[in-house]
Amino acid sequence: MTSVLFTGGVLWSPADWEAPRTGQMLVVDGRIAAVDDDLEAPADVERVDLQGGSLLPAFGDGHAHPLQAGLEGRFAPVRGDSVAAILDGVMSWAADHPDAEWVYGGGFDLALIEDGVFQASWLDDILPDRPVVLRGTDYHTLWCNTEALKRSGITAQTPDPVDGDIVRTPDGTPVGTLREWGATDPVFAAMPRPSLTMQLAAIDDATTACAATGLTWVQDAWVEPAEVEAYLAAADGGVLRVAVNMALRADQAGWREQIAEFTRIRARVQAAGYPTLTAHTIKFFVDGVIESGTASMLEPYDDCPHSHGLPNWTRRELVEAVAGFSAAGFQVHLHAIGDAAIRDSLDAIEHSVDTIRAQDLRPVIAHLQVIDPADLGRLTALGVISCFQPLWAQPDPLQEVLTIPRIGPTRAALQYPIRSVVADGGLVSFGSDWPVTDLSPREGIATAVTRQTPDGEPAAGWYPAERIDLRTAVTAYTRGVAVQAFRDDAGTFAVGSVADLVWLGTDLRTADTADFRAAVVSGTWLAGRRVH
């Protein structure tokens, strides 16, 4: 029997928000055994002095990409603040890795160019003979040089994909910018995959970072079948530092065959018996992103009146696929940015709602950037978990340069209606979408409360009617994610609950939002075992 006694701090949970406790907590064999002012503890108990800080239920991340985040740090650094800085990062990495056949980097800023279109010629000028593939911050856009396009078979004669966008010159020549799966999949198919050793190191680094920021459970919101082996090996080798649920990506062209394939993968993961690894979720990319003009909108884009965006699924195929995977007992997790994509997602869930409820499958719609007000009530009525990325609810160059010019001020004011969903009684969880944006739950929580940049702009908040209070924000990152994760015994201090805990080195009774954002994560425990 292992036991831990926490003393000397404040015990905070959403349920006790108005009256936090200052007593002790005893954890035995990974579960909360008692919470009281003066506890009897076993003689061999491990004692943790919270030193005046606060103990909370650990955070969870309802939508992130830890494997991709871990891999990003192993390739060219392209998160520079100018095109020149990106090119410098590419050249430096290429020089340091002369044996790398392809040069890859992730996370370049789409807002550096007014229309978000990056030219192959800029990369050709610095590296004409090796294929270069860079991924935008949205992870839906690729910037390729001519050699990468050539090796991927993308030419002036390549037909326009139904579910992708090959940006071209007037004569049909690809310029180097590719958007969405139909356009980017040929590139990924041509590129060499990272080795298993590299993937294991990436998972180790990424989940270590998760634990360091107070997370104990993460939804990897996009896993390909070929990546499952790395996660199994990570769990087996003890380098999966937090619990991860894998969401396998459904493909419109092959989803019928994928039901059987993904069912076998789920069974294999279950049979392996690792408590930190599951595979019970299916990811749908219903549309793209507004900044690239690929999010599916009910009304045309302001800057492109002939376009409603680029849905990745037809409504009929989406309805049938959600029905098929739900019947097989999978949770569905739908990326939906535009109001048309959100409506299609709701229609698909509604079509299968009896099956979903009968099996308690807890459907998730992620991002929900622009929702038609007529659809807000459907989220609650259908039991949808709305997984918002709160860090996005602030002004930034992407909004100013690309998003708002594309959709105009009226629709811009509808973005990320977190408070409206909460007020309607909807279920809300939070996620980071890391490495798209910062991993830290504290940053996300502070932004949800203020809807301001870290510099405090704008003073009243960005579309401030959708601000929420600190308790609600913490709940979304703790209990809200626990519900999404089917971890009904997490996100609470109730006796018998799993001891997933985070120690913040700040007394939250006297802390403001800035103090919360700056609070140091002094410790993280997964089922009573210290992981940070």
Protein backbone atom coordinates (compact mmCIF):
# COMPACT_ATOMS: atom_id res chain seq x y z
CA MET A 1 0.00 0.00 0.00
CA THR A 2 1.31 3.45 -0.95
CA SER A 3 0.05 6.60 0.71
CA VAL A 4 0.61 10.35 0.44
CA LEU A 5 -0.48 13.03 2.92
CA PHE A 6 -0.87 16.60 1.67
CA THR A 7 -0.66 19.33 4.32
CA GLY A 8 0.08 23.01 4.72
CA GLY A 9 -1.98 24.46 1.90
CA VAL A 10 -5.41 25.21 0.50
CA LEU A 11 -7.51 22.44 -1.02
CA TRP A 12 -9.42 23.86 -3.96
CA SER A 13 -11.90 22.12 -6.20
CA PRO A 14 -14.74 23.57 -8.29
CA ALA A 15 -17.25 22.05 -5.88
CA ASP A 16 -15.66 23.87 -2.92
CA TRP A 17 -14.85 27.10 -4.73
CA GLU A 18 -16.62 29.46 -2.37
CA ALA A 19 -15.24 27.76 0.74
CA PRO A 20 -11.87 26.15 0.05
CA ARG A 21 -10.53 23.85 2.74
CA THR A 22 -7.30 24.34 4.65
CA GLY A 23 -7.02 20.85 6.08
CA GLN A 24 -5.24 17.71 4.93
CA MET A 25 -5.75 15.16 2.18
CA LEU A 26 -4.77 11.50 2.43
CA VAL A 27 -4.24 9.50 -0.74
CA VAL A 28 -4.02 5.71 -0.52
CA ASP A 29 -3.25 3.47 -3.50
CA GLY A 30 -3.97 6.22 -5.99
CA ARG A 31 -7.32 7.34 -4.59
CA ILE A 32 -8.45 10.05 -2.20
CA ALA A 33 -9.00 8.28 1.11
CA ALA A 34 -9.86 11.21 3.38
CA VAL A 35 -10.04 14.99 3.55
CA ASP A 36 -10.16 16.54 7.02
CA ASP A 37 -8.47 18.96 9.38
CA ASP A 38 -6.32 16.40 11.23
CA LEU A 39 -5.90 12.97 9.69
CA GLU A 40 -4.41 9.76 10.98
CA ALA A 41 -1.89 8.59 8.40
CA PRO A 42 0.12 5.37 8.06
CA ALA A 43 3.58 5.46 9.58
CA ASP A 44 5.24 5.09 6.19
CA VAL A 45 3.17 7.83 4.52
CA GLU A 46 4.91 10.22 2.13
CA ARG A 47 4.28 13.75 3.36
CA VAL A 48 3.96 16.68 0.98
CA ASP A 49 4.03 20.18 2.49
CA LEU A 50 2.15 22.47 0.10
CA GLN A 51 4.00 25.47 1.61
CA GLY A 52 0.96 27.73 1.53
CA GLY A 53 0.08 26.90 -2.05
CA SER A 54 -3.07 25.37 -3.48
CA LEU A 55 -3.94 21.78 -4.36
CA LEU A 56 -6.49 21.33 -7.16
CA PRO A 57 -7.81 18.44 -9.22
CA ALA A 58 -5.31 18.02 -12.04
CA PHE A 59 -6.02 19.59 -15.40
CA GLY A 60 -6.94 17.66 -18.51
CA ASP A 61 -6.56 18.72 -22.13
CA GLY A 62 -9.59 17.94 -24.26
CA HIS A 63 -7.89 18.55 -27.60
CA ALA A 64 -4.15 18.52 -28.26
CA HIS A 65 -1.56 16.87 -30.47
CA PRO A 66 1.28 15.75 -28.17
CA LEU A 67 3.04 13.48 -30.67
CA GLN A 68 3.09 16.24 -33.29
CA ALA A 69 4.27 18.73 -30.67
CA GLY A 70 7.12 16.47 -29.63
CA LEU A 71 8.14 15.90 -33.23
CA GLU A 72 8.00 19.61 -34.12
CA GLY A 73 10.95 20.33 -31.85
CA ARG A 74 13.09 17.86 -33.76
CA PHE A 75 12.86 19.61 -37.10
CA ALA A 76 13.48 23.05 -38.56
CA PRO A 77 12.54 25.94 -36.23
CA VAL A 78 10.06 28.00 -38.24
CA ARG A 79 8.08 29.90 -35.60
CA GLY A 80 9.89 33.12 -36.48
CA ASP A 81 8.34 36.58 -36.62
CA SER A 82 9.16 37.17 -40.29
CA VAL A 83 9.54 35.22 -43.52
CA ALA A 84 13.27 35.93 -43.33
CA ALA A 85 13.44 34.34 -39.88
CA ILE A 86 11.61 31.25 -41.15
CA LEU A 87 14.04 30.92 -44.05
CA ASP A 88 16.97 31.30 -41.67
CA GLY A 89 15.58 28.46 -39.55
CA VAL A 90 15.22 26.24 -42.61
CA MET A 91 18.74 26.96 -43.83
CA SER A 92 20.27 26.41 -40.40
CA TRP A 93 18.54 23.07 -39.85
CA ALA A 94 19.34 21.89 -43.37
CA ALA A 95 23.02 22.73 -42.88
CA ASP A 96 23.08 20.86 -39.55
CA HIS A 97 21.36 17.82 -41.10
CA PRO A 98 23.01 17.30 -44.48
CA ASP A 99 21.90 13.65 -44.62
CA ALA A 100 18.19 14.47 -44.17
CA GLU A 101 16.55 13.80 -47.52
CA TRP A 102 13.58 16.07 -46.72
CA VAL A 103 13.58 19.29 -44.72
CA TYR A 104 10.50 19.70 -42.54
CA GLY A 105 9.31 22.27 -40.02
CA GLY A 106 6.06 23.01 -38.19
CA GLY A 107 4.35 26.12 -36.88
CA PHE A 108 5.07 29.02 -39.24
CA ASP A 109 2.80 32.05 -38.82
CA LEU A 110 0.23 32.34 -41.62
CA ALA A 111 -0.45 35.96 -40.70
CA LEU A 112 3.01 37.04 -41.85
CA ILE A 113 1.58 37.33 -45.37
CA GLU A 114 -1.61 39.30 -45.88
CA ASP A 115 -3.41 36.64 -47.93
CA GLY A 116 -1.73 33.68 -46.21
CA VAL A 117 -0.25 32.46 -49.52
CA PHE A 118 3.42 31.46 -49.33
CA GLN A 119 5.47 30.98 -52.47
CA ALA A 120 7.54 27.91 -53.39
CA SER A 121 10.07 30.25 -55.01
CA TRP A 122 11.03 31.73 -51.63
CA LEU A 123 12.12 28.28 -50.48
CA ASP A 124 13.64 27.45 -53.86
CA ASP A 125 15.95 30.43 -53.50
CA ILE A 126 17.58 28.95 -50.39
CA LEU A 127 17.19 25.19 -50.94
CA PRO A 128 16.33 24.21 -54.52
CA ASP A 129 17.59 20.62 -54.56
CA ARG A 130 16.05 19.14 -51.39
CA PRO A 131 12.31 18.94 -50.77
CA VAL A 132 11.15 21.42 -48.12
CA VAL A 133 7.77 21.08 -46.40
CA LEU A 134 6.65 23.55 -43.75
CA ARG A 135 3.42 23.34 -41.78
CA GLY A 136 1.46 26.44 -40.77
CA THR A 137 0.34 27.19 -37.23
CA ASP A 138 -3.14 25.95 -38.14
CA TYR A 139 -1.70 22.54 -39.08
CA HIS A 140 -4.07 22.58 -42.08
CA THR A 141 -1.71 24.42 -44.42
CA LEU A 142 1.57 23.35 -46.06
CA TRP A 143 4.20 25.54 -47.68
CA CYS A 144 6.32 23.52 -50.10
CA ASN A 145 9.18 24.22 -52.39
CA THR A 146 9.13 23.10 -56.02
CA GLU A 147 11.11 19.93 -55.32
CA ALA A 148 8.59 18.83 -52.65
CA LEU A 149 5.68 19.49 -55.03
CA LYS A 150 7.46 17.51 -57.73
CA ARG A 151 8.13 14.49 -55.52
CA SER A 152 4.52 14.58 -54.33
CA GLY A 153 3.19 14.54 -57.88
CA ILE A 154 1.51 17.94 -57.60
CA THR A 155 1.71 19.79 -60.93
CA ALA A 156 -0.30 22.16 -63.08
CA GLN A 157 -2.10 19.09 -64.42
CA THR A 158 -3.13 17.78 -60.99
CA PRO A 159 -6.93 18.01 -60.66
CA ASP A 160 -8.29 20.20 -57.89
CA PRO A 161 -9.19 17.89 -54.98
CA VAL A 162 -12.74 17.92 -53.64
CA ASP A 163 -11.51 18.21 -50.06
CA GLY A 164 -8.47 20.43 -50.51
CA ASP A 165 -7.10 23.57 -52.13
CA ILE A 166 -4.01 23.76 -54.33
CA VAL A 167 -3.33 27.49 -54.61
CA ARG A 168 -2.31 28.27 -58.21
CA THR A 169 -1.15 31.02 -60.50
CA PRO A 170 -3.54 32.02 -63.34
CA ASP A 171 -1.94 29.44 -65.64
CA GLY A 172 -2.59 26.62 -63.14
CA THR A 173 0.92 26.28 -61.71
CA PRO A 174 0.91 25.45 -57.98
CA VAL A 175 2.41 28.38 -56.05
CA GLY A 176 3.52 26.26 -53.08
CA THR A 177 0.62 26.68 -50.62
CA LEU A 178 -1.61 23.63 -50.03
CA ARG A 179 -4.69 23.58 -47.81
CA GLU A 180 -6.60 20.68 -46.26
CA TRP A 181 -6.29 16.92 -46.65
CA GLY A 182 -7.07 16.50 -50.31
CA ALA A 183 -4.16 18.77 -51.17
CA THR A 184 -1.71 17.85 -48.40
CA ASP A 185 -2.10 14.05 -48.22
CA PRO A 186 0.07 13.42 -51.32
CA VAL A 187 2.91 15.28 -49.64
CA PHE A 188 2.66 13.29 -46.41
CA ALA A 189 2.50 10.10 -48.46
CA ALA A 190 5.75 11.02 -50.21
CA MET A 191 7.63 12.09 -47.07
CA PRO A 192 9.54 9.54 -44.98
CA ARG A 193 7.88 8.80 -41.63
CA PRO A 194 9.75 9.57 -38.41
CA SER A 195 11.42 6.50 -36.96
CA LEU A 196 9.91 4.69 -33.99
CA THR A 197 12.86 5.84 -31.89
CA MET A 198 12.17 9.46 -32.79
CA GLN A 199 8.46 9.08 -32.08
CA LEU A 200 9.18 7.55 -28.66
CA ALA A 201 11.48 10.45 -27.77
CA ALA A 202 8.81 12.89 -28.98
CA ILE A 203 6.13 11.26 -26.81
CA ASP A 204 8.47 11.27 -23.82
CA ASP A 205 9.25 14.98 -24.24
CA ALA A 206 5.65 15.96 -24.96
CA THR A 207 4.04 14.10 -22.08
CA THR A 208 6.76 15.30 -19.72
CA ALA A 209 5.81 18.84 -20.75
CA CYS A 210 2.15 18.00 -20.14
CA ALA A 211 2.86 16.81 -16.61
CA ALA A 212 4.96 19.92 -15.95
CA THR A 213 1.99 22.16 -16.69
CA GLY A 214 -0.38 20.23 -14.41
CA LEU A 215 -2.01 17.89 -16.93
CA THR A 216 -2.66 14.20 -16.22
CA TRP A 217 -4.92 13.29 -19.18
CA VAL A 218 -4.69 14.42 -22.80
CA GLN A 219 -6.85 13.79 -25.84
CA ASP A 220 -4.52 13.28 -28.78
CA ALA A 221 -6.99 14.59 -31.30
CA TRP A 222 -5.41 13.17 -34.43
CA VAL A 223 -3.71 9.79 -34.54
CA GLU A 224 -3.02 7.79 -37.68
CA PRO A 225 -2.99 3.98 -37.45
CA ALA A 226 0.76 3.96 -38.15
CA GLU A 227 1.33 6.03 -35.00
CA VAL A 228 -0.46 3.65 -32.62
CA GLU A 229 2.66 1.48 -32.37
CA ALA A 230 4.64 4.41 -30.96
CA TYR A 231 2.08 5.05 -28.24
CA LEU A 232 1.96 1.37 -27.30
CA ALA A 233 5.75 1.27 -27.13
CA ALA A 234 5.77 4.45 -25.04
CA ALA A 235 3.32 2.96 -22.55
CA ASP A 236 5.28 -0.27 -22.43
CA GLY A 237 8.57 1.56 -21.95
CA GLY A 238 7.32 3.86 -19.20
CA VAL A 239 7.76 7.07 -21.16
CA LEU A 240 4.05 7.90 -21.42
CA ARG A 241 4.08 10.35 -18.52
CA VAL A 242 0.36 11.17 -18.54
CA ALA A 243 -2.75 9.32 -19.67
CA VAL A 244 -3.55 9.67 -23.38
CA ASN A 245 -6.64 8.78 -25.37
CA MET A 246 -5.98 8.37 -29.08
CA ALA A 247 -8.53 9.74 -31.57
CA LEU A 248 -8.13 7.86 -34.85
CA ARG A 249 -8.78 10.01 -37.92
CA ALA A 250 -11.76 9.05 -40.07
CA ASP A 251 -11.35 9.49 -43.81
CA GLN A 252 -14.32 10.31 -46.04
CA ALA A 253 -13.09 8.00 -48.78
CA GLY A 254 -12.46 4.96 -46.60
CA TRP A 255 -14.40 5.28 -43.37
CA ARG A 256 -16.51 2.17 -43.97
CA GLU A 257 -13.39 -0.01 -43.99
CA GLN A 258 -11.93 1.96 -41.10
CA ILE A 259 -14.71 0.87 -38.73
CA ALA A 260 -13.34 -2.68 -38.68
CA GLU A 261 -9.71 -1.50 -38.67
CA PHE A 262 -10.22 0.93 -35.80
CA THR A 263 -12.22 -1.63 -33.83
CA ARG A 264 -9.23 -3.98 -34.05
CA ILE A 265 -6.89 -1.19 -32.91
CA ARG A 266 -9.14 -0.39 -29.95
CA ALA A 267 -9.25 -4.06 -28.97
CA ARG A 268 -5.47 -4.32 -29.21
CA VAL A 269 -4.97 -1.28 -26.99
CA GLN A 270 -7.49 -2.60 -24.47
CA ALA A 271 -5.83 -6.01 -24.44
CA ALA A 272 -2.44 -4.42 -23.75
CA GLY A 273 -3.91 -3.27 -20.44
CA TYR A 274 -2.01 -0.02 -19.98
CA PRO A 275 -4.00 2.25 -17.62
CA THR A 276 -2.56 5.33 -19.33
CA LEU A 277 -3.55 4.51 -22.92
CA THR A 278 -6.94 4.18 -24.63
CA ALA A 279 -8.29 4.41 -28.18
CA HIS A 280 -12.03 4.88 -27.95
CA THR A 281 -12.47 8.04 -30.05
CA ILE A 282 -12.80 8.87 -33.75
CA LYS A 283 -11.67 12.23 -35.11
CA PHE A 284 -13.55 13.96 -37.93
CA PHE A 285 -12.16 17.03 -39.65
CA VAL A 286 -15.52 18.42 -40.75
CA ASP A 287 -14.00 21.57 -42.25
CA GLY A 288 -10.83 23.67 -42.31
CA VAL A 289 -10.05 27.04 -40.76
CA ILE A 290 -11.32 30.56 -41.35
CA GLU A 291 -7.89 32.14 -41.81
CA SER A 292 -7.34 29.97 -44.90
CA GLY A 293 -10.90 30.37 -46.15
CA THR A 294 -11.53 26.63 -45.73
CA ALA A 295 -13.91 26.69 -42.75
CA SER A 296 -17.42 25.77 -43.90
CA MET A 297 -19.73 28.80 -43.55
CA LEU A 298 -23.47 29.22 -43.97
CA GLU A 299 -22.96 32.51 -45.80
CA PRO A 300 -20.16 33.36 -48.26
CA TYR A 301 -16.85 34.81 -47.14
CA ASP A 302 -16.74 38.59 -47.23
CA ASP A 303 -13.45 38.61 -49.15
CA CYS A 304 -14.50 35.81 -51.52
CA PRO A 305 -18.24 36.10 -52.22
CA HIS A 306 -18.38 32.96 -54.36
CA SER A 307 -17.02 30.74 -51.56
CA HIS A 308 -18.64 29.16 -48.51
CA GLY A 309 -15.39 27.43 -47.58
CA LEU A 310 -14.33 23.86 -47.98
CA PRO A 311 -16.23 21.14 -46.11
CA ASN A 312 -14.14 17.98 -45.83
CA TRP A 313 -17.26 15.81 -45.64
CA THR A 314 -20.56 15.93 -47.46
CA ARG A 315 -23.43 16.15 -45.04
CA ARG A 316 -24.70 12.71 -46.09
CA GLU A 317 -21.33 11.01 -45.64
CA LEU A 318 -20.84 12.69 -42.27
CA VAL A 319 -24.26 11.56 -41.02
CA GLU A 320 -23.61 7.98 -42.17
CA ALA A 321 -20.07 7.87 -40.78
CA VAL A 322 -21.06 9.21 -37.36
CA ALA A 323 -23.83 6.62 -37.31
CA GLY A 324 -21.43 3.83 -38.27
CA PHE A 325 -18.77 4.64 -35.69
CA SER A 326 -21.37 5.29 -32.98
CA ALA A 327 -22.95 1.92 -33.64
CA ALA A 328 -19.48 0.41 -33.15
CA GLY A 329 -19.28 2.07 -29.72
CA PHE A 330 -16.85 4.88 -30.50
CA GLN A 331 -16.99 8.43 -29.18
CA VAL A 332 -16.97 10.94 -32.03
CA HIS A 333 -14.79 14.06 -31.85
CA LEU A 334 -15.60 16.54 -34.61
CA HIS A 335 -13.39 19.46 -35.62
CA ALA A 336 -15.90 22.13 -36.66
CA ILE A 337 -14.86 25.77 -37.04
CA GLY A 338 -17.48 27.38 -39.29
CA ASP A 339 -21.20 27.69 -38.59
CA ALA A 340 -22.11 25.35 -41.48
CA ALA A 341 -19.68 22.70 -40.23
CA ILE A 342 -21.10 22.99 -36.71
CA ARG A 343 -24.64 22.61 -38.05
CA ASP A 344 -23.63 19.54 -40.09
CA SER A 345 -21.97 18.07 -36.99
CA LEU A 346 -25.09 18.64 -34.91
CA ASP A 347 -27.25 17.10 -37.63
CA ALA A 348 -25.02 14.01 -37.68
CA ILE A 349 -25.13 13.66 -33.89
CA GLU A 350 -28.89 14.19 -33.84
CA HIS A 351 -29.34 11.44 -36.43
CA SER A 352 -27.58 8.97 -34.10
CA VAL A 353 -28.59 10.45 -30.76
CA ASP A 354 -30.50 7.37 -29.57
CA THR A 355 -27.49 5.14 -30.23
CA ILE A 356 -25.16 7.66 -28.62
CA ARG A 357 -27.27 8.02 -25.48
CA ALA A 358 -27.87 4.29 -25.13
CA GLN A 359 -24.11 3.70 -24.97
CA ASP A 360 -23.20 6.95 -23.16
CA LEU A 361 -20.76 7.91 -25.93
CA ARG A 362 -20.42 11.63 -25.06
CA PRO A 363 -19.97 13.27 -28.48
CA VAL A 364 -17.50 16.15 -28.74
CA ILE A 365 -17.43 19.12 -31.10
CA ALA A 366 -14.10 20.93 -30.94
CA HIS A 367 -13.26 24.58 -31.64
CA LEU A 368 -16.78 25.97 -32.38
CA GLN A 369 -15.38 29.25 -33.57
CA VAL A 370 -18.50 30.72 -35.21
CA ILE A 371 -21.87 29.24 -34.24
CA ASP A 372 -25.17 30.35 -35.69
CA PRO A 373 -27.17 31.52 -32.63
CA ALA A 374 -30.02 29.27 -33.75
CA ASP A 375 -27.81 26.24 -33.09
CA LEU A 376 -26.60 27.10 -29.58
CA GLY A 377 -29.48 25.34 -27.86
CA ARG A 378 -28.90 22.15 -29.85
CA LEU A 379 -25.53 21.63 -28.15
CA THR A 380 -27.27 21.29 -24.79
CA ALA A 381 -30.27 19.35 -26.08
CA LEU A 382 -28.07 16.73 -27.77
CA GLY A 383 -25.65 16.36 -24.86
CA VAL A 384 -22.70 17.58 -26.92
CA ILE A 385 -19.47 18.40 -25.10
CA SER A 386 -18.24 21.71 -26.50
CA CYS A 387 -14.45 21.60 -26.41
CA PHE A 388 -13.26 25.19 -26.73
CA GLN A 389 -9.69 26.41 -27.01
CA PRO A 390 -9.93 29.40 -24.65
CA LEU A 391 -6.53 30.79 -25.56
CA TRP A 392 -7.96 31.67 -28.97
CA ALA A 393 -10.51 34.07 -27.46
CA GLN A 394 -8.29 37.14 -27.75
CA PRO A 395 -7.15 39.49 -30.52
CA ASP A 396 -4.01 38.47 -32.38
CA PRO A 397 -2.45 39.03 -35.83
CA LEU A 398 -4.25 36.01 -37.26
CA GLN A 399 -7.57 37.60 -36.34
CA GLU A 400 -6.64 41.05 -37.58
CA VAL A 401 -4.88 40.08 -40.81
CA LEU A 402 -6.87 37.04 -41.96
CA THR A 403 -9.92 36.00 -39.92
CA ILE A 404 -11.93 39.19 -39.45
CA PRO A 405 -11.32 40.46 -43.02
CA ARG A 406 -12.62 37.13 -44.30
CA ILE A 407 -15.86 36.96 -42.27
CA GLY A 408 -16.56 40.58 -41.37
CA PRO A 409 -17.43 42.21 -38.04
CA THR A 410 -20.91 40.71 -37.56
CA ARG A 411 -19.77 37.10 -37.68
CA ALA A 412 -16.50 37.96 -35.92
CA ALA A 413 -18.56 39.00 -32.90
CA LEU A 414 -19.96 35.47 -32.66
CA GLN A 415 -16.57 33.84 -32.07
CA TYR A 416 -16.04 31.38 -29.22
CA PRO A 417 -19.33 31.84 -27.34
CA ILE A 418 -18.18 30.05 -24.19
CA ARG A 419 -20.39 31.92 -21.75
CA SER A 420 -23.46 31.45 -23.95
CA VAL A 421 -23.00 27.68 -24.02
CA VAL A 422 -22.44 27.55 -20.25
CA ALA A 423 -25.48 29.75 -19.60
CA ASP A 424 -27.61 27.43 -21.71
CA GLY A 425 -26.58 24.49 -19.54
CA GLY A 426 -24.21 22.99 -22.10
CA LEU A 427 -21.28 20.77 -21.24
CA VAL A 428 -17.95 22.53 -21.78
CA SER A 429 -14.40 21.22 -21.76
CA PHE A 430 -11.20 23.07 -22.59
CA GLY A 431 -8.19 22.12 -24.68
CA SER A 432 -5.07 23.80 -26.00
CA ASP A 433 -4.71 22.37 -29.55
CA TRP A 434 -0.98 22.29 -28.74
CA PRO A 435 1.33 22.78 -30.66
CA VAL A 436 -1.00 25.12 -32.58
CA THR A 437 -1.04 27.29 -29.47
CA ASP A 438 0.42 27.20 -25.95
CA LEU A 439 -0.09 24.08 -23.82
CA SER A 440 -0.56 25.79 -20.45
CA PRO A 441 -4.04 25.43 -18.87
CA ARG A 442 -3.26 28.46 -16.70
CA GLU A 443 -2.86 30.61 -19.82
CA GLY A 444 -6.10 29.26 -21.27
CA ILE A 445 -8.01 29.77 -18.03
CA ALA A 446 -6.78 33.35 -17.63
CA THR A 447 -7.77 34.15 -21.22
CA ALA A 448 -11.24 32.65 -20.78
CA VAL A 449 -11.77 34.91 -17.77
CA THR A 450 -10.43 38.15 -19.29
CA ARG A 451 -10.58 37.60 -23.08
CA GLN A 452 -7.51 39.80 -23.16
CA THR A 453 -3.96 39.41 -24.36
CA PRO A 454 -1.32 38.89 -21.63
CA ASP A 455 -0.69 42.65 -21.95
CA GLY A 456 -4.28 43.36 -20.92
CA GLU A 457 -5.70 44.33 -24.31
CA PRO A 458 -8.40 45.24 -25.00
CA ALA A 459 -9.20 46.80 -21.64
CA ALA A 460 -12.81 45.56 -21.57
CA GLY A 461 -12.00 42.21 -23.14
CA TRP A 462 -12.40 40.87 -26.69
CA TYR A 463 -16.15 40.43 -27.25
CA PRO A 464 -16.47 40.64 -23.46
CA ALA A 465 -20.03 39.31 -23.23
CA GLU A 466 -18.49 35.84 -23.54
CA ARG A 467 -16.12 36.16 -20.56
CA ILE A 468 -16.57 33.57 -17.81
CA ASP A 469 -15.55 33.50 -14.15
CA LEU A 470 -12.51 31.70 -12.78
CA ARG A 471 -14.48 28.86 -11.22
CA THR A 472 -16.20 28.07 -14.51
CA ALA A 473 -12.91 28.17 -16.40
CA VAL A 474 -11.15 25.87 -13.91
CA THR A 475 -14.14 23.51 -14.03
CA ALA A 476 -13.87 23.26 -17.82
CA TYR A 477 -10.18 22.31 -17.58
CA THR A 478 -10.76 19.78 -14.74
CA ARG A 479 -14.20 18.25 -14.32
CA GLY A 480 -15.27 19.19 -17.85
CA VAL A 481 -12.39 17.30 -19.44
CA ALA A 482 -12.89 14.40 -17.01
CA VAL A 483 -16.47 13.99 -18.25
CA GLN A 484 -15.27 14.08 -21.85
CA ALA A 485 -12.67 11.42 -20.96
CA PHE A 486 -15.23 9.09 -19.30
CA ARG A 487 -13.21 9.55 -16.11
CA ASP A 488 -16.18 10.08 -13.85
CA ASP A 489 -14.04 9.59 -10.75
CA ALA A 490 -11.65 12.43 -11.66
CA GLY A 491 -11.80 16.22 -11.45
CA THR A 492 -13.14 16.15 -7.89
CA PHE A 493 -11.98 15.80 -4.28
CA ALA A 494 -14.74 13.38 -3.31
CA VAL A 495 -13.50 10.46 -1.20
CA GLY A 496 -12.84 7.51 -3.47
CA SER A 497 -11.94 9.68 -6.45
CA VAL A 498 -8.76 9.07 -8.40
CA ALA A 499 -5.93 11.20 -7.02
CA ASP A 500 -5.05 13.20 -10.12
CA LEU A 501 -3.79 16.39 -8.49
CA VAL A 502 -1.88 19.57 -9.25
CA TRP A 503 -0.07 21.76 -6.73
CA LEU A 504 0.10 25.46 -7.61
CA GLY A 505 2.56 27.50 -5.60
CA THR A 506 0.03 30.29 -4.98
CA ASP A 507 -2.74 30.77 -2.42
CA LEU A 508 -5.69 31.20 -4.74
CA ARG A 509 -7.80 32.81 -2.02
CA THR A 510 -5.92 36.08 -2.57
CA ALA A 511 -4.89 35.61 -6.20
CA ASP A 512 -6.21 37.57 -9.15
CA THR A 513 -6.22 36.34 -12.74
CA ALA A 514 -2.66 37.52 -13.36
CA ASP A 515 -1.49 35.62 -10.27
CA PHE A 516 -3.25 32.50 -11.51
CA ARG A 517 -1.59 32.79 -14.91
CA ALA A 518 1.82 33.19 -13.28
CA ALA A 519 1.38 30.45 -10.67
CA VAL A 520 4.18 27.88 -10.63
CA VAL A 521 3.19 24.23 -11.03
CA SER A 522 5.07 22.76 -8.07
CA GLY A 523 3.84 19.19 -8.48
CA THR A 524 1.56 16.91 -10.49
CA TRP A 525 0.22 13.50 -9.43
CA LEU A 526 -1.36 10.87 -11.67
CA ALA A 527 -3.38 8.38 -9.62
CA GLY A 528 -1.32 9.29 -6.58
CA ARG A 529 2.02 8.88 -8.36
CA ARG A 530 4.12 12.00 -8.75
CA VAL A 531 4.85 12.68 -12.42
CA HIS A 532 6.23 16.20 -11.98
